[in-house]
C-alpha atoms as a PDB file:
ATOM      1  CA  MET A   1      40.675-254.724 166.030  1.00  0.00           C
ATOM      2  CA  LYS A   2      43.828-256.520 167.849  1.00  0.00           C
ATOM      3  CA  ILE A   3      43.007-259.293 170.413  1.00  0.00           C
ATOM      4  CA  SER A   4      46.011-259.915 172.310  1.00  0.00           C
ATOM      5  CA  TYR A   5      46.108-262.512 175.779  1.00  0.00           C
ATOM      6  CA  HIS A   6      48.573-261.981 178.574  1.00  0.00           C
ATOM      7  CA  GLY A   7      48.303-265.365 180.867  1.00  0.00           C
ATOM      8  CA  HIS A   8      45.513-266.135 183.377  1.00  0.00           C
ATOM      9  CA  SER A   9      42.709-264.141 182.503  1.00  0.00           C
ATOM     10  CA  VAL A  10      43.993-261.593 181.625  1.00  0.00           C
ATOM     11  CA  VAL A  11      42.774-259.801 177.491  1.00  0.00           C
ATOM     12  CA  LYS A  12      43.431-256.751 175.524  1.00  0.00           C
ATOM     13  CA  ILE A  13      41.346-255.356 173.028  1.00  0.00           C
ATOM     14  CA  GLU A  14      42.264-252.334 170.625  1.00  0.00           C
ATOM     15  CA  THR A  15      39.955-251.187 168.860  1.00  0.00           C
ATOM     16  CA  ASN A  16      38.016-247.787 167.506  1.00  0.00           C
ATOM     17  CA  GLY A  17      41.091-246.196 169.052  1.00  0.00           C
ATOM     18  CA  LYS A  18      40.744-247.389 172.744  1.00  0.00           C
ATOM     19  CA  THR A  19      42.186-249.504 174.442  1.00  0.00           C
ATOM     20  CA  ILE A  20      40.428-252.251 177.097  1.00  0.00           C
ATOM     21  CA  LEU A  21      41.860-254.703 179.792  1.00  0.00           C
ATOM     22  CA  ILE A  22      39.856-256.939 181.432  1.00  0.00           C
ATOM     23  CA  ASP A  23      41.026-258.614 184.429  1.00  0.00           C
ATOM     24  CA  PRO A  24      44.153-256.664 184.400  1.00  0.00           C
ATOM     25  CA  PHE A  25      46.420-259.489 186.669  1.00  0.00           C
ATOM     26  CA  ILE A  26      49.659-257.808 186.275  1.00  0.00           C
ATOM     27  CA  ASN A  27      51.867-257.840 189.076  1.00  0.00           C
ATOM     28  CA  GLY A  28      52.158-260.947 191.124  1.00  0.00           C
ATOM     29  CA  ASN A  29      51.390-262.957 187.315  1.00  0.00           C
ATOM     30  CA  GLU A  30      53.947-264.896 187.078  1.00  0.00           C
ATOM     31  CA  LEU A  31      52.841-265.943 183.479  1.00  0.00           C
ATOM     32  CA  THR A  32      51.848-262.045 181.756  1.00  0.00           C
ATOM     33  CA  ASP A  33      54.192-260.538 180.067  1.00  0.00           C
ATOM     34  CA  LEU A  34      52.909-257.393 180.337  1.00  0.00           C
ATOM     35  CA  LYS A  35      54.298-254.420 182.755  1.00  0.00           C
ATOM     36  CA  VAL A  36      51.906-251.971 184.714  1.00  0.00           C
ATOM     37  CA  ASP A  37      54.357-249.313 183.589  1.00  0.00           C
ATOM     38  CA  ASP A  38      53.897-249.538 179.639  1.00  0.00           C
ATOM     39  CA  GLU A  39      50.421-250.287 180.002  1.00  0.00           C
ATOM     40  CA  LYS A  40      47.820-247.574 178.931  1.00  0.00           C
ATOM     41  CA  PRO A  41      44.313-248.520 179.146  1.00  0.00           C
ATOM     42  CA  ASP A  42      41.223-246.243 178.053  1.00  0.00           C
ATOM     43  CA  VAL A  43      39.079-248.929 179.457  1.00  0.00           C
ATOM     44  CA  ILE A  44      39.056-251.937 182.230  1.00  0.00           C
ATOM     45  CA  ILE A  45      36.743-254.301 182.757  1.00  0.00           C
ATOM     46  CA  LEU A  46      35.945-256.430 185.487  1.00  0.00           C
ATOM     47  CA  THR A  47      34.917-260.102 185.928  1.00  0.00           C
ATOM     48  CA  HIS A  48      34.607-260.384 189.855  1.00  0.00           C
ATOM     49  CA  GLY A  49      35.901-258.964 193.197  1.00  0.00           C
ATOM     50  CA  HIS A  50      38.901-261.613 193.501  1.00  0.00           C
ATOM     51  CA  ASN A  51      42.533-260.243 193.433  1.00  0.00           C
ATOM     52  CA  ASP A  52      43.505-262.295 190.681  1.00  0.00           C
ATOM     53  CA  HIS A  53      41.347-260.551 188.253  1.00  0.00           C
ATOM     54  CA  VAL A  54      41.160-257.216 189.799  1.00  0.00           C
ATOM     55  CA  GLY A  55      45.122-257.177 190.143  1.00  0.00           C
ATOM     56  CA  ASP A  56      46.406-254.045 189.125  1.00  0.00           C
ATOM     57  CA  THR A  57      42.965-251.876 188.048  1.00  0.00           C
ATOM     58  CA  VAL A  58      43.393-249.292 190.767  1.00  0.00           C
ATOM     59  CA  GLU A  59      46.929-248.255 190.243  1.00  0.00           C
ATOM     60  CA  LEU A  60      46.058-248.679 186.185  1.00  0.00           C
ATOM     61  CA  ALA A  61      43.144-246.945 186.158  1.00  0.00           C
ATOM     62  CA  LYS A  62      44.739-243.690 188.117  1.00  0.00           C
ATOM     63  CA  LYS A  63      46.950-243.518 186.403  1.00  0.00           C
ATOM     64  CA  ASN A  64      45.603-243.459 183.036  1.00  0.00           C
ATOM     65  CA  ASP A  65      42.214-241.887 184.216  1.00  0.00           C
ATOM     66  CA  SER A  66      40.511-245.552 182.943  1.00  0.00           C
ATOM     67  CA  LEU A  67      36.935-245.981 183.470  1.00  0.00           C
ATOM     68  CA  VAL A  68      36.372-249.161 184.963  1.00  0.00           C
ATOM     69  CA  ILE A  69      32.978-251.105 184.333  1.00  0.00           C
ATOM     70  CA  ALA A  70      32.147-253.402 186.896  1.00  0.00           C
ATOM     71  CA  ASN A  71      29.318-255.293 188.812  1.00  0.00           C
ATOM     72  CA  HIS A  72      27.838-252.452 191.077  1.00  0.00           C
ATOM     73  CA  GLU A  73      29.298-253.124 194.379  1.00  0.00           C
ATOM     74  CA  LEU A  74      32.911-253.676 192.987  1.00  0.00           C
ATOM     75  CA  ALA A  75      32.226-250.386 190.972  1.00  0.00           C
ATOM     76  CA  THR A  76      31.111-248.329 193.898  1.00  0.00           C
ATOM     77  CA  TYR A  77      33.910-249.941 195.804  1.00  0.00           C
ATOM     78  CA  LEU A  78      36.886-248.691 193.722  1.00  0.00           C
ATOM     79  CA  SER A  79      34.940-245.005 192.791  1.00  0.00           C
ATOM     80  CA  TRP A  80      36.199-245.259 197.397  1.00  0.00           C
ATOM     81  CA  GLN A  81      39.241-245.902 195.761  1.00  0.00           C
ATOM     82  CA  LEU A  82      38.471-242.270 193.564  1.00  0.00           C
ATOM     83  CA  VAL A  83      38.464-244.223 190.101  1.00  0.00           C
ATOM     84  CA  LYS A  84      36.018-243.680 187.444  1.00  0.00           C
ATOM     85  CA  THR A  85      33.755-246.127 187.447  1.00  0.00           C
ATOM     86  CA  HIS A  86      30.609-247.471 185.092  1.00  0.00           C
ATOM     87  CA  PRO A  87      28.564-250.270 187.336  1.00  0.00           C
ATOM     88  CA  MET A  88      26.651-252.870 185.520  1.00  0.00           C
ATOM     89  CA  HIS A  89      24.727-255.331 186.775  1.00  0.00           C
ATOM     90  CA  VAL A  90      23.750-259.151 185.421  1.00  0.00           C
ATOM     91  CA  GLY A  91      21.558-258.868 182.374  1.00  0.00           C
ATOM     92  CA  GLY A  92      22.482-255.784 181.603  1.00  0.00           C
ATOM     93  CA  ALA A  93      24.406-253.981 178.691  1.00  0.00           C
ATOM     94  CA  TYR A  94      25.172-250.219 177.874  1.00  0.00           C
ATOM     95  CA  GLU A  95      26.917-248.778 174.332  1.00  0.00           C
ATOM     96  CA  PHE A  96      30.176-247.435 175.046  1.00  0.00           C
ATOM     97  CA  ASP A  97      32.018-245.079 172.594  1.00  0.00           C
ATOM     98  CA  PHE A  98      33.822-248.235 171.959  1.00  0.00           C
ATOM     99  CA  GLY A  99      30.947-250.589 172.118  1.00  0.00           C
ATOM    100  CA  LYS A 100      28.666-252.366 173.684  1.00  0.00           C
ATOM    101  CA  VAL A 101      28.777-254.495 176.893  1.00  0.00           C
ATOM    102  CA  LYS A 102      26.425-257.139 178.707  1.00  0.00           C
ATOM    103  CA  LEU A 103      27.327-259.204 181.648  1.00  0.00           C
ATOM    104  CA  THR A 104      26.262-262.412 181.629  1.00  0.00           C
ATOM    105  CA  GLN A 105      25.534-264.801 184.641  1.00  0.00           C
ATOM    106  CA  ALA A 106      28.598-266.214 186.323  1.00  0.00           C
ATOM    107  CA  PHE A 107      28.984-269.172 189.351  1.00  0.00           C
ATOM    108  CA  HIS A 108      31.492-268.585 190.863  1.00  0.00           C
ATOM    109  CA  GLY A 109      32.740-266.091 194.349  1.00  0.00           C
ATOM    110  CA  SER A 110      33.429-262.560 193.800  1.00  0.00           C
ATOM    111  CA  GLY A 111      35.410-261.611 197.234  1.00  0.00           C
ATOM    112  CA  LEU A 112      38.334-258.725 197.949  1.00  0.00           C
ATOM    113  CA  ILE A 113      40.618-259.924 200.246  1.00  0.00           C
ATOM    114  CA  THR A 114      42.524-256.378 201.840  1.00  0.00           C
ATOM    115  CA  ASP A 115      45.909-256.089 203.110  1.00  0.00           C
ATOM    116  CA  GLY A 116      44.046-256.487 206.590  1.00  0.00           C
ATOM    117  CA  ASN A 117      42.849-259.711 205.641  1.00  0.00           C
ATOM    118  CA  GLU A 118      39.508-258.957 205.681  1.00  0.00           C
ATOM    119  CA  ILE A 119      37.387-260.340 202.696  1.00  0.00           C
ATOM    120  CA  ILE A 120      35.094-256.983 200.893  1.00  0.00           C
ATOM    121  CA  TYR A 121      32.206-258.859 199.159  1.00  0.00           C
ATOM    122  CA  MET A 122      32.238-257.139 196.005  1.00  0.00           C
ATOM    123  CA  GLY A 123      28.775-258.512 194.246  1.00  0.00           C
ATOM    124  CA  MET A 124      28.051-261.288 191.848  1.00  0.00           C
ATOM    125  CA  PRO A 125      30.836-262.742 189.347  1.00  0.00           C
ATOM    126  CA  ALA A 126      30.053-261.873 185.606  1.00  0.00           C
ATOM    127  CA  GLY A 127      30.774-262.901 182.047  1.00  0.00           C
ATOM    128  CA  VAL A 128      31.587-260.229 179.801  1.00  0.00           C
ATOM    129  CA  LEU A 129      30.457-260.033 176.330  1.00  0.00           C
ATOM    130  CA  LEU A 130      31.577-257.524 174.011  1.00  0.00           C
ATOM    131  CA  MET A 131      30.073-256.357 170.896  1.00  0.00           C
ATOM    132  CA  ILE A 132      32.908-254.703 169.309  1.00  0.00           C
ATOM    133  CA  GLU A 133      33.463-254.172 165.099  1.00  0.00           C
ATOM    134  CA  GLY A 134      30.633-256.594 163.833  1.00  0.00           C
ATOM    135  CA  LYS A 135      32.229-259.114 166.388  1.00  0.00           C
ATOM    136  CA  THR A 136      31.232-260.707 169.442  1.00  0.00           C
ATOM    137  CA  ILE A 137      33.510-261.581 172.171  1.00  0.00           C
ATOM    138  CA  PHE A 138      32.932-263.518 175.260  1.00  0.00           C
ATOM    139  CA  HIS A 139      34.734-263.463 178.275  1.00  0.00           C
ATOM    140  CA  ALA A 140      33.608-266.452 180.772  1.00  0.00           C
ATOM    141  CA  GLY A 141      35.385-265.041 183.817  1.00  0.00           C
ATOM    142  CA  ASP A 142      35.946-267.872 186.515  1.00  0.00           C
ATOM    143  CA  THR A 143      32.540-269.767 186.067  1.00  0.00           C
ATOM    144  CA  GLY A 144      31.571-273.341 186.060  1.00  0.00           C
ATOM    145  CA  LEU A 145      29.192-274.938 183.352  1.00  0.00           C
ATOM    146  CA  PHE A 146      25.696-274.269 183.637  1.00  0.00           C
ATOM    147  CA  SER A 147      23.037-275.249 180.786  1.00  0.00           C
ATOM    148  CA  ASP A 148      22.429-271.805 180.192  1.00  0.00           C
ATOM    149  CA  MET A 149      25.564-270.925 178.544  1.00  0.00           C
ATOM    150  CA  LYS A 150      23.041-272.665 175.490  1.00  0.00           C
ATOM    151  CA  LEU A 151      20.890-269.351 175.794  1.00  0.00           C
ATOM    152  CA  ILE A 152      23.621-267.006 175.736  1.00  0.00           C
ATOM    153  CA  GLY A 153      25.059-268.518 172.671  1.00  0.00           C
ATOM    154  CA  GLU A 154      21.449-268.345 170.632  1.00  0.00           C
ATOM    155  CA  ARG A 155      21.115-265.175 172.101  1.00  0.00           C
ATOM    156  CA  HIS A 156      24.489-263.982 170.956  1.00  0.00           C
ATOM    157  CA  PRO A 157      26.881-265.450 168.035  1.00  0.00           C
ATOM    158  CA  ILE A 158      29.940-265.633 169.076  1.00  0.00           C
ATOM    159  CA  ASP A 159      33.223-264.867 167.461  1.00  0.00           C
ATOM    160  CA  LEU A 160      35.293-265.702 169.709  1.00  0.00           C
ATOM    161  CA  ALA A 161      34.870-266.868 173.225  1.00  0.00           C
ATOM    162  CA  PHE A 162      37.693-267.231 176.049  1.00  0.00           C
ATOM    163  CA  LEU A 163      36.890-269.827 178.595  1.00  0.00           C
ATOM    164  CA  PRO A 164      38.576-271.128 182.336  1.00  0.00           C
ATOM    165  CA  ILE A 165      39.748-274.390 181.895  1.00  0.00           C
ATOM    166  CA  GLY A 166      41.638-274.731 185.239  1.00  0.00           C
ATOM    167  CA  ASP A 167      39.003-276.655 187.068  1.00  0.00           C
ATOM    168  CA  ASN A 168      39.366-276.696 190.988  1.00  0.00           C
ATOM    169  CA  PHE A 169      37.953-273.183 190.994  1.00  0.00           C
ATOM    170  CA  THR A 170      36.182-273.037 187.571  1.00  0.00           C
ATOM    171  CA  MET A 171      35.528-275.841 184.675  1.00  0.00           C
ATOM    172  CA  GLY A 172      38.051-277.928 184.120  1.00  0.00           C
ATOM    173  CA  PRO A 173      38.500-278.617 180.311  1.00  0.00           C
ATOM    174  CA  GLU A 174      35.749-281.058 180.329  1.00  0.00           C
ATOM    175  CA  ASP A 175      33.222-279.343 181.405  1.00  0.00           C
ATOM    176  CA  ALA A 176      34.719-275.941 179.542  1.00  0.00           C
ATOM    177  CA  ALA A 177      34.747-278.173 176.327  1.00  0.00           C
ATOM    178  CA  THR A 178      30.988-278.106 177.274  1.00  0.00           C
ATOM    179  CA  ALA A 179      30.781-275.144 177.480  1.00  0.00           C
ATOM    180  CA  ALA A 180      32.238-274.384 173.890  1.00  0.00           C
ATOM    181  CA  SER A 181      29.400-276.365 172.565  1.00  0.00           C
ATOM    182  CA  PHE A 182      26.747-274.822 174.498  1.00  0.00           C
ATOM    183  CA  LEU A 183      28.169-271.460 173.303  1.00  0.00           C
ATOM    184  CA  LYS A 184      28.690-272.548 169.638  1.00  0.00           C
ATOM    185  CA  ALA A 185      31.258-269.778 169.415  1.00  0.00           C
ATOM    186  CA  LYS A 186      33.441-269.869 166.381  1.00  0.00           C
ATOM    187  CA  LYS A 187      36.646-270.289 168.052  1.00  0.00           C
ATOM    188  CA  VAL A 188      37.865-270.631 171.559  1.00  0.00           C
ATOM    189  CA  VAL A 189      40.548-269.547 173.606  1.00  0.00           C
ATOM    190  CA  PRO A 190      41.905-271.454 176.851  1.00  0.00           C
ATOM    191  CA  ILE A 191      42.387-268.677 179.993  1.00  0.00           C
ATOM    192  CA  HIS A 192      43.067-269.424 183.719  1.00  0.00           C
ATOM    193  CA  TYR A 193      45.188-271.945 184.155  1.00  0.00           C
ATOM    194  CA  ASP A 194      48.694-273.034 184.810  1.00  0.00           C
ATOM    195  CA  THR A 195      49.231-269.619 186.859  1.00  0.00           C
ATOM    196  CA  PHE A 196      48.645-271.807 190.312  1.00  0.00           C
ATOM    197  CA  PRO A 197      49.159-275.724 191.192  1.00  0.00           C
ATOM    198  CA  PRO A 198      46.205-275.921 191.926  1.00  0.00           C
ATOM    199  CA  ILE A 199      44.981-274.897 188.357  1.00  0.00           C
ATOM    200  CA  LYS A 200      47.487-276.685 185.825  1.00  0.00           C
ATOM    201  CA  GLN A 201      46.641-278.162 182.858  1.00  0.00           C
ATOM    202  CA  ASP A 202      47.311-278.699 179.326  1.00  0.00           C
ATOM    203  CA  PRO A 203      45.564-276.496 177.255  1.00  0.00           C
ATOM    204  CA  HIS A 204      46.488-278.588 173.831  1.00  0.00           C
ATOM    205  CA  LYS A 205      44.261-282.150 174.703  1.00  0.00           C
ATOM    206  CA  PHE A 206      41.527-279.319 176.098  1.00  0.00           C
ATOM    207  CA  VAL A 207      41.728-278.237 172.457  1.00  0.00           C
ATOM    208  CA  GLU A 208      41.549-281.571 171.030  1.00  0.00           C
ATOM    209  CA  MET A 209      38.200-282.099 173.033  1.00  0.00           C
ATOM    210  CA  LEU A 210      36.500-279.437 170.898  1.00  0.00           C
ATOM    211  CA  GLU A 211      33.880-280.292 168.196  1.00  0.00           C
ATOM    212  CA  ASP A 212      32.368-277.663 167.474  1.00  0.00           C
ATOM    213  CA  SER A 213      34.591-275.095 168.040  1.00  0.00           C
ATOM    214  CA  GLU A 214      37.861-274.023 166.666  1.00  0.00           C
ATOM    215  CA  GLY A 215      40.416-274.124 169.456  1.00  0.00           C
ATOM    216  CA  GLN A 216      43.722-272.027 170.042  1.00  0.00           C
ATOM    217  CA  VAL A 217      45.814-271.850 173.095  1.00  0.00           C
ATOM    218  CA  MET A 218      47.242-268.417 172.862  1.00  0.00           C
ATOM    219  CA  LYS A 219      51.005-267.589 174.474  1.00  0.00           C
ATOM    220  CA  ALA A 220      51.037-264.319 176.660  1.00  0.00           C
ATOM    221  CA  GLY A 221      51.563-261.582 173.408  1.00  0.00           C
ATOM    222  CA  ASP A 222      49.962-263.618 171.249  1.00  0.00           C
ATOM    223  CA  VAL A 223      47.121-261.916 168.948  1.00  0.00           C
ATOM    224  CA  ILE A 224      44.286-262.238 166.841  1.00  0.00           C
ATOM    225  CA  GLU A 225      42.889-259.970 164.862  1.00  0.00           C
ATOM    226  CA  TYR A 226      39.425-259.191 163.197  1.00  0.00           C
END
């Protein structure tokens, strides 16, 4: 299994003959190394409905007949765009042919801004647990710190966690370090930072704060293999 990071909150997982993209914000993301025309995901997983996470989902899904996994409201909206979807919601899990997906709670918003400057409610934001090839990967999505992260870590031993550190819109480094401790993740990768001026951070300082987890700063295109 190959797991790669591609700027902001974009994560790619290649496993069991499938390519999975999480939060494929590519166009408009100056930190990514990806190009929409080059990507051929079998599956797209969305944590919530903000534009910098839904990103290029519709174009990618239509070009590649991708299955989009998202909360019910967001999945319904995307189905209206003629995208193939599998709706889920927080607390629910489902066994797919590539592995098991479970949505966890996240404390954030989830509204999509349309070209007509309307904000459409897109359901509750979520984190994503992926149980694949005997490993558990956690993508926290956009969230603040919350104490039930302890419960997530107790119920699901996490091998690799992607945690936002940007502050302003999500956890900052200090809260994210506490989150890593709550989750008891073996390895932690910081995400959702440096894309915009309000979320500029030093990821190496965050890694230095970690007490119970190994931290790894990933540049766009870097890969972790299991």
